[in-house]
Structures are given as C-alpha cells and as structure tokens.
C-alpha cells in the first residue's frame, strides 16, 4: 500500500536585514524525516526587504500503515549529522 504525504508550507518569511543580522537574514527551511528517506524544501529566497517563501512538499512512500513524521521547522538548513 502506498501513502502520499503532502505538506504545504503556506507562509514563511525570513527576517529583514534591519533586524540586526550581521551578514544576512536566515532562510526559512523545512525538513520532513520519513521512515525511508528525508525530504526538504529549497532555501532559495528572493533578496528583498520582506521575502516571502511558499512551497509544497510531496512524497510517496510504500508502507503498510501511515508513518510517523518528524518535521523540522528552522531558520537555516542544518547539515545532517
């Protein structure tokens, strides 16, 4: 049996430069850890004072029951450990 996992990030924003970031504002980032793989969103943002980022994640996995999901909502992509 195949389950389809759809996650839609409706509205995420990075902080504008005026908020005291030394180099650049952090980028919204979402990562979903599934039983057999990890899917994540791109972190590309338009460079403006108020960038808004929308993205949809879709993953199809073959399992016998709906999986538990681990969702990471962060400001910047963190390298895997």
N, C-alpha and C. Protein backbone atom coordinates (compact mmCIF):
# COMPACT_ATOMS: atom_id res chain seq x y z
N UNK A 1 0.85 -1.17 0.00
CA UNK A 1 0.00 0.00 0.00
C UNK A 1 0.90 1.23 0.00
N UNK A 2 0.45 2.25 -0.69
CA UNK A 2 1.25 3.47 -0.80
C UNK A 2 0.50 4.63 -0.17
N UNK A 3 1.17 5.36 0.68
CA UNK A 3 0.59 6.55 1.29
C UNK A 3 1.26 7.78 0.70
N UNK A 4 0.47 8.77 0.45
CA UNK A 4 1.00 10.02 -0.08
C UNK A 4 1.04 11.05 1.04
N UNK A 5 2.18 11.66 1.23
CA UNK A 5 2.35 12.67 2.26
C UNK A 5 2.45 14.02 1.57
N UNK A 6 1.51 14.89 1.84
CA UNK A 6 1.53 16.24 1.28
C UNK A 6 1.64 17.25 2.40
N UNK A 7 2.65 18.06 2.37
CA UNK A 7 2.82 19.14 3.33
C UNK A 7 2.92 20.44 2.57
N UNK A 8 2.12 21.38 2.93
CA UNK A 8 2.18 22.67 2.27
C UNK A 8 2.57 23.73 3.28
N UNK A 9 3.66 24.40 3.01
CA UNK A 9 4.11 25.49 3.85
C UNK A 9 3.46 26.74 3.29
N UNK A 10 2.44 27.22 3.97
CA UNK A 10 1.63 28.29 3.41
C UNK A 10 2.31 29.65 3.47
N UNK A 11 3.02 29.91 4.54
CA UNK A 11 3.54 31.26 4.68
C UNK A 11 4.74 31.22 5.60
N UNK A 12 5.89 31.49 5.07
CA UNK A 12 7.11 31.55 5.88
C UNK A 12 7.90 32.76 5.42
N UNK A 13 8.52 33.43 6.35
CA UNK A 13 9.26 34.63 5.99
C UNK A 13 10.63 34.60 6.65
N UNK A 14 11.56 35.24 5.98
CA UNK A 14 12.84 35.45 6.65
C UNK A 14 12.80 36.84 7.28
N UNK A 15 13.71 37.09 8.19
CA UNK A 15 13.75 38.39 8.84
C UNK A 15 14.48 39.39 7.95
N UNK A 16 13.99 40.62 7.85
CA UNK A 16 14.68 41.61 7.04
C UNK A 16 16.02 41.98 7.64
N UNK A 17 16.87 42.56 6.82
CA UNK A 17 18.23 42.92 7.24
C UNK A 17 18.22 43.84 8.45
N UNK A 18 17.20 44.64 8.62
CA UNK A 18 17.15 45.63 9.70
C UNK A 18 17.03 45.01 11.09
N UNK A 19 16.83 43.70 11.17
CA UNK A 19 16.63 43.07 12.47
C UNK A 19 17.93 42.70 13.16
N UNK A 20 19.05 43.25 12.72
CA UNK A 20 20.30 43.07 13.44
C UNK A 20 21.14 41.87 13.03
N UNK A 21 20.85 41.25 11.89
CA UNK A 21 21.68 40.13 11.45
C UNK A 21 22.97 40.69 10.90
N UNK A 22 24.09 40.08 11.26
CA UNK A 22 25.39 40.60 10.86
C UNK A 22 25.63 40.48 9.36
N UNK A 23 25.26 39.35 8.77
CA UNK A 23 25.57 39.15 7.36
C UNK A 23 24.32 39.12 6.50
N UNK A 24 23.38 38.26 6.81
CA UNK A 24 22.16 38.16 6.02
C UNK A 24 21.08 37.53 6.90
N UNK A 25 19.82 37.74 6.58
CA UNK A 25 18.76 37.13 7.38
C UNK A 25 18.73 35.62 7.17
N UNK A 26 18.25 34.87 8.16
CA UNK A 26 18.15 33.42 8.00
C UNK A 26 17.07 33.08 6.98
N UNK A 27 17.19 31.91 6.39
CA UNK A 27 16.23 31.47 5.39
C UNK A 27 15.28 30.44 6.00
N UNK A 28 13.98 30.55 5.74
CA UNK A 28 13.06 29.52 6.22
C UNK A 28 13.45 28.16 5.62
N UNK A 29 13.30 27.13 6.40
CA UNK A 29 13.71 25.80 5.97
C UNK A 29 12.83 24.77 6.65
N UNK A 30 12.38 23.78 5.89
CA UNK A 30 11.55 22.71 6.44
C UNK A 30 12.13 21.37 6.00
N UNK A 31 12.22 20.44 6.93
CA UNK A 31 12.71 19.11 6.63
C UNK A 31 11.75 18.09 7.24
N UNK A 32 11.39 17.07 6.46
CA UNK A 32 10.50 16.01 6.94
C UNK A 32 11.26 14.69 6.86
N UNK A 33 11.35 14.00 7.99
CA UNK A 33 12.06 12.72 8.04
C UNK A 33 11.02 11.61 7.98
N UNK A 34 11.04 10.84 6.90
CA UNK A 34 10.14 9.72 6.69
C UNK A 34 10.87 8.43 7.05
N UNK A 35 10.16 7.31 7.12
CA UNK A 35 10.83 6.06 7.50
C UNK A 35 11.99 5.68 6.58
N UNK A 36 11.88 5.97 5.29
CA UNK A 36 12.91 5.51 4.36
C UNK A 36 13.71 6.62 3.69
N UNK A 37 13.39 7.87 3.97
CA UNK A 37 14.16 8.97 3.37
C UNK A 37 13.78 10.29 4.03
N UNK A 38 14.55 11.30 3.70
CA UNK A 38 14.30 12.64 4.21
C UNK A 38 14.02 13.55 3.02
N UNK A 39 12.96 14.35 3.12
CA UNK A 39 12.69 15.33 2.07
C UNK A 39 12.77 16.71 2.71
N UNK A 40 13.19 17.66 1.92
CA UNK A 40 13.33 19.01 2.46
C UNK A 40 13.04 20.03 1.38
N UNK A 41 12.82 21.24 1.82
CA UNK A 41 12.49 22.33 0.91
C UNK A 41 13.76 23.03 0.47
N UNK A 42 13.71 23.66 -0.68
CA UNK A 42 14.84 24.50 -1.07
C UNK A 42 14.85 25.74 -0.18
N UNK A 43 16.00 26.35 -0.07
CA UNK A 43 16.10 27.53 0.79
C UNK A 43 16.24 28.82 0.01
N UNK A 44 16.10 28.75 -1.31
CA UNK A 44 16.28 29.96 -2.11
C UNK A 44 15.18 30.97 -1.82
N UNK A 45 15.56 32.19 -1.59
CA UNK A 45 14.62 33.28 -1.36
C UNK A 45 14.99 34.47 -2.23
N UNK A 46 14.00 35.20 -2.63
CA UNK A 46 14.26 36.43 -3.36
C UNK A 46 14.86 37.43 -2.39
N UNK A 47 15.90 38.13 -2.79
CA UNK A 47 16.56 39.08 -1.90
C UNK A 47 15.80 40.41 -1.91
N UNK A 48 14.90 40.55 -0.96
CA UNK A 48 14.17 41.80 -0.79
C UNK A 48 14.14 42.10 0.70
N UNK A 49 13.57 43.22 1.06
CA UNK A 49 13.47 43.55 2.48
C UNK A 49 12.46 42.68 3.21
N UNK A 50 11.55 42.07 2.48
CA UNK A 50 10.49 41.29 3.11
C UNK A 50 10.19 40.05 2.27
N UNK A 51 11.16 39.12 2.13
CA UNK A 51 10.91 37.97 1.27
C UNK A 51 9.89 37.01 1.88
N UNK A 52 9.02 36.50 1.05
CA UNK A 52 8.03 35.51 1.46
C UNK A 52 8.28 34.25 0.66
N UNK A 53 8.15 33.11 1.30
CA UNK A 53 8.51 31.84 0.68
C UNK A 53 7.35 30.88 0.85
N UNK A 54 6.89 30.30 -0.25
CA UNK A 54 5.82 29.30 -0.22
C UNK A 54 6.32 28.05 -0.94
N UNK A 55 6.00 26.91 -0.40
CA UNK A 55 6.48 25.68 -1.03
C UNK A 55 5.59 24.51 -0.61
N UNK A 56 5.48 23.52 -1.48
CA UNK A 56 4.74 22.30 -1.17
C UNK A 56 5.69 21.11 -1.25
N UNK A 57 5.65 20.25 -0.27
CA UNK A 57 6.42 19.01 -0.29
C UNK A 57 5.46 17.86 -0.55
N UNK A 58 5.81 16.97 -1.46
CA UNK A 58 5.01 15.78 -1.69
C UNK A 58 5.94 14.57 -1.72
N UNK A 59 5.58 13.53 -1.02
CA UNK A 59 6.40 12.32 -1.02
C UNK A 59 5.47 11.11 -1.05
N UNK A 60 5.80 10.12 -1.85
CA UNK A 60 5.03 8.87 -1.89
C UNK A 60 5.92 7.77 -1.33
N UNK A 61 5.42 7.09 -0.32
CA UNK A 61 6.21 6.04 0.32
C UNK A 61 5.37 4.77 0.38
N UNK A 62 6.02 3.64 0.32
CA UNK A 62 5.34 2.34 0.38
C UNK A 62 5.46 1.76 1.78
N UNK A 63 4.38 1.85 2.53
CA UNK A 63 4.34 1.30 3.88
C UNK A 63 2.96 0.70 4.12
N UNK A 64 2.83 -0.09 5.18
CA UNK A 64 1.56 -0.75 5.48
C UNK A 64 0.62 0.08 6.33
N UNK A 65 1.14 1.09 6.97
CA UNK A 65 0.30 1.97 7.78
C UNK A 65 0.86 3.38 7.68
N UNK A 66 0.05 4.38 7.97
CA UNK A 66 0.56 5.75 7.90
C UNK A 66 1.78 5.92 8.81
N UNK A 67 2.84 6.55 8.30
CA UNK A 67 4.07 6.66 9.09
C UNK A 67 4.02 7.80 10.09
N UNK A 68 4.89 7.72 11.08
CA UNK A 68 5.14 8.86 11.94
C UNK A 68 6.08 9.80 11.20
N UNK A 69 5.83 11.07 11.30
CA UNK A 69 6.66 12.05 10.62
C UNK A 69 7.44 12.87 11.64
N UNK A 70 8.68 13.14 11.33
CA UNK A 70 9.46 14.09 12.11
C UNK A 70 9.62 15.32 11.24
N UNK A 71 9.15 16.45 11.71
CA UNK A 71 9.19 17.68 10.92
C UNK A 71 10.09 18.68 11.61
N UNK A 72 11.05 19.21 10.86
CA UNK A 72 11.95 20.24 11.37
C UNK A 72 11.57 21.57 10.72
N UNK A 73 11.26 22.55 11.53
CA UNK A 73 10.98 23.90 11.04
C UNK A 73 12.10 24.78 11.57
N UNK A 74 12.91 25.30 10.68
CA UNK A 74 14.06 26.05 11.16
C UNK A 74 14.31 27.29 10.34
N UNK A 75 15.31 28.03 10.77
CA UNK A 75 15.67 29.26 10.09
C UNK A 75 16.70 29.02 9.00
N UNK A 76 17.56 28.08 9.19
CA UNK A 76 18.61 27.78 8.22
C UNK A 76 18.76 26.28 8.11
N UNK A 77 19.20 25.84 6.94
CA UNK A 77 19.43 24.42 6.76
C UNK A 77 20.61 23.99 7.63
N UNK A 78 20.42 22.88 8.32
CA UNK A 78 21.47 22.35 9.18
C UNK A 78 22.04 21.11 8.51
N UNK A 79 23.36 20.99 8.39
CA UNK A 79 23.93 19.79 7.77
C UNK A 79 23.52 18.54 8.53
N UNK A 80 23.27 17.43 7.83
CA UNK A 80 22.90 16.19 8.53
C UNK A 80 24.03 15.72 9.42
N UNK A 81 23.65 15.06 10.52
CA UNK A 81 24.66 14.53 11.45
C UNK A 81 24.73 13.03 11.35
